[in-house]
Protein backbone atom coordinates (compact mmCIF):
# COMPACT_ATOMS: atom_id res chain seq x y z
CA MET A 1 -11.20 1.43 5.31
CA GLY A 2 -7.53 0.51 5.25
CA GLU A 3 -4.16 0.93 6.94
CA LEU A 4 -1.73 3.82 6.88
CA SER A 5 1.24 3.21 4.63
CA ARG A 6 4.94 4.03 4.73
CA THR A 7 4.17 7.34 3.02
CA GLY A 8 2.51 8.46 6.25
CA ASP A 9 -0.37 10.36 4.71
CA CYS A 10 -2.25 7.77 2.66
CA THR A 11 -4.59 4.99 3.64
CA VAL A 12 -4.11 1.77 1.70
CA HIS A 13 -7.31 -0.13 1.01
CA PRO A 14 -6.98 -3.96 0.83
CA ARG A 15 -8.22 -4.09 -2.78
CA LEU A 16 -7.77 -0.56 -4.12
CA GLY A 17 -4.38 0.33 -2.70
CA PHE A 18 -3.80 4.10 -2.64
CA ARG A 19 -6.16 4.60 -5.55
CA HIS A 20 -9.35 5.53 -3.78
CA GLU A 21 -11.01 8.70 -2.61
CA VAL A 22 -11.72 9.14 1.08
CA ALA A 23 -15.08 10.74 1.69
CA ALA A 24 -17.59 11.10 4.49
CA ALA A 25 -21.33 10.52 4.48
CA THR A 26 -23.52 11.95 7.20
CA THR A 27 -26.48 9.87 8.29
CA ASP A 28 -28.77 9.32 11.24
CA LEU A 29 -29.12 5.61 10.48
CA PRO A 30 -28.10 3.36 13.35
CA LEU A 31 -24.79 1.82 12.27
CA ALA A 32 -22.83 -0.82 14.12
CA PRO A 33 -19.09 -0.08 14.31
CA ASP A 34 -16.86 -2.66 12.69
CA LYS A 35 -13.37 -3.78 13.62
CA PRO A 36 -10.26 -2.03 12.28
CA ILE A 37 -8.74 -3.50 9.14
CA ASP A 38 -5.44 -5.28 9.63
CA LEU A 39 -4.13 -6.52 6.30
CA GLY A 40 -0.51 -6.88 7.39
CA LEU A 41 0.57 -3.67 5.68
CA LEU A 42 3.01 -2.61 8.41
CA ASP A 43 4.92 -5.87 8.03
CA PHE A 44 4.79 -5.64 4.23
CA CYS A 45 6.01 -2.01 4.16
CA ARG A 46 8.89 -2.82 6.55
CA VAL A 47 10.30 -5.16 3.90
CA CYS A 48 9.16 -3.58 0.62
CA LYS A 49 10.32 0.07 0.72
CA LYS A 50 9.63 0.52 -3.03
CA CYS A 51 7.88 3.86 -2.48
CA ALA A 52 10.81 5.24 -0.45
CA GLU A 53 13.44 3.97 -2.88
CA ASN A 54 11.61 5.53 -5.85
CA CYS A 55 10.62 8.85 -4.25
CA PRO A 56 12.32 11.63 -6.28
CA SER A 57 12.12 14.07 -3.35
CA GLN A 58 13.34 11.49 -0.81
CA ALA A 59 10.40 12.49 1.38
CA ILE A 60 9.41 8.90 2.23
CA THR A 61 11.46 7.37 5.01
CA LEU A 62 13.39 4.12 4.71
CA ASP A 63 13.00 3.57 8.47
CA ALA A 64 11.74 0.06 9.21
CA ASP A 65 9.44 1.08 12.03
CA PRO A 66 6.58 3.58 11.92
CA ILE A 67 6.17 6.39 14.45
CA GLU A 68 3.20 7.07 16.69
CA HIS A 69 1.31 10.23 15.77
CA ASN A 70 -1.94 11.25 17.50
CA GLY A 71 -2.45 7.71 18.78
CA TYR A 72 -1.87 5.81 15.52
CA LEU A 73 1.14 4.42 13.68
CA ARG A 74 2.29 6.01 10.43
CA GLY A 75 5.42 6.31 8.35
CA ASN A 76 7.81 9.06 9.44
CA SER A 77 7.76 10.83 6.09
CA ASP A 78 8.44 14.49 5.34
CA MET A 79 5.23 15.79 3.77
CA LYS A 80 6.66 19.31 3.53
CA LYS A 81 9.52 18.01 1.35
CA CYS A 82 6.98 16.14 -0.82
CA THR A 83 4.77 19.22 -1.20
CA ILE A 84 7.71 21.46 -2.13
CA PHE A 85 8.85 18.94 -4.75
CA ARG A 86 5.37 18.69 -6.28
CA ALA A 87 4.91 22.47 -6.32
CA THR A 88 8.28 23.12 -7.96
CA ASN A 89 8.38 20.08 -10.26
CA GLU A 90 8.81 21.25 -13.86
CA ASP A 91 6.86 18.22 -15.13
CA GLY A 92 3.68 19.25 -13.27
CA VAL A 93 2.27 19.56 -9.78
CA PHE A 94 1.65 15.87 -9.19
CA CYS A 95 4.25 13.16 -8.80
CA GLY A 96 2.47 9.96 -7.75
CA ARG A 97 5.58 7.79 -8.01
CA CYS A 98 4.78 6.21 -4.63
CA MET A 99 1.36 5.17 -5.92
CA LYS A 100 2.75 3.85 -9.18
CA VAL A 101 5.36 1.55 -7.60
CA CYS A 102 3.30 0.30 -4.65
CA PRO A 103 2.42 -3.40 -5.16
CA TRP A 104 -0.97 -2.82 -3.54
CA ASN A 105 -1.95 -0.58 -6.49
CA SER A 106 -0.50 -2.37 -9.46
CA LYS A 107 -2.35 -5.68 -9.60
CA GLU A 108 -6.01 -4.93 -8.87
CA ASP A 109 -8.48 -7.50 -10.24
CA SER A 110 -5.80 -10.12 -10.84
CA TRP A 111 -4.84 -13.42 -9.28
CA PHE A 112 -1.63 -11.79 -8.03
CA HIS A 113 -3.48 -9.15 -6.04
CA GLU A 114 -5.93 -11.69 -4.61
CA ALA A 115 -3.03 -13.96 -3.63
CA GLY A 116 -1.21 -10.99 -2.10
CA ILE A 117 -4.19 -10.11 0.06
CA LEU A 118 -4.48 -13.72 1.20
CA LEU A 119 -0.75 -14.15 1.86
CA GLU A 120 -0.40 -10.87 3.70
CA ALA A 121 -3.36 -11.81 5.89
CA MET A 122 -1.41 -14.96 6.83
CA ALA A 123 1.88 -13.06 7.17
CA ARG A 124 1.76 -13.11 10.97
CA LEU A 125 3.33 -16.58 10.81
CA LEU A 126 6.29 -15.67 8.58
CA PRO A 127 6.08 -11.90 8.04
CA ASN A 128 9.36 -11.22 6.25
CA SER A 129 9.37 -14.38 4.13
CA LEU A 130 5.90 -13.85 2.67
CA SER A 131 6.44 -10.14 2.14
CA GLN A 132 9.72 -10.82 0.32
CA LEU A 133 7.95 -13.38 -1.88
CA MET A 134 5.21 -10.92 -2.84
CA ILE A 135 7.76 -8.20 -3.61
CA CYS A 136 9.76 -10.56 -5.83
CA LEU A 137 6.61 -11.63 -7.66
CA ASP A 138 5.67 -8.01 -8.33
CA MET A 139 8.01 -7.81 -11.31
CA GLU A 140 6.63 -6.72 -14.67
CA GLN A 141 7.34 -10.08 -16.36
CA PHE A 142 4.53 -11.61 -14.28
CA SER A 143 1.91 -9.21 -15.67
CA ALA A 144 1.25 -11.43 -18.71
CA VAL A 145 0.43 -14.37 -16.45
CA ASN A 146 -2.34 -12.34 -14.77
CA LYS A 147 -4.45 -12.50 -17.94
CA PHE A 148 -4.50 -16.30 -18.12
CA LEU A 149 -4.69 -17.68 -14.59
CA PRO A 150 -7.77 -16.73 -12.52
CA LEU A 151 -7.72 -16.94 -8.73
CA GLU A 152 -9.85 -20.12 -8.86
CA PHE A 153 -6.91 -21.89 -10.55
CA PHE A 154 -4.89 -21.65 -7.33
CA PHE A 155 -7.66 -21.88 -4.70
CA HIS A 156 -10.51 -24.29 -5.50
């Protein structure tokens, strides 16, 4: 389904980012288990830190390394601090700044997002270099380019 992000409580889907609903379906159909998704998110989040830098409650950690919790790795974020901020925020009970600034959310259905998925999958070779490149390319001035250059332009 995805990987846990720096925020510590959200799963990031390779194509949908944070913006998806997690649900369960009960069935008695025989289903083969698949392998866990590894899209290089841990390496990307180590370098990016946009969600932590933009968190108004400072609930998201800037720590480079995740912590182990119940047998899995997640960001060491303070969900209590986040919840208190959302509940007492005069602008409403939802913040969502982490979702808004996360590069995995902002470029769905664009050549940038497709290239990001591909590059992050290859990031094991040069993890920090590729992550830095994708973060630099995630600037708003590149959004106009997304409309004109399909993915096939770069990968035929």
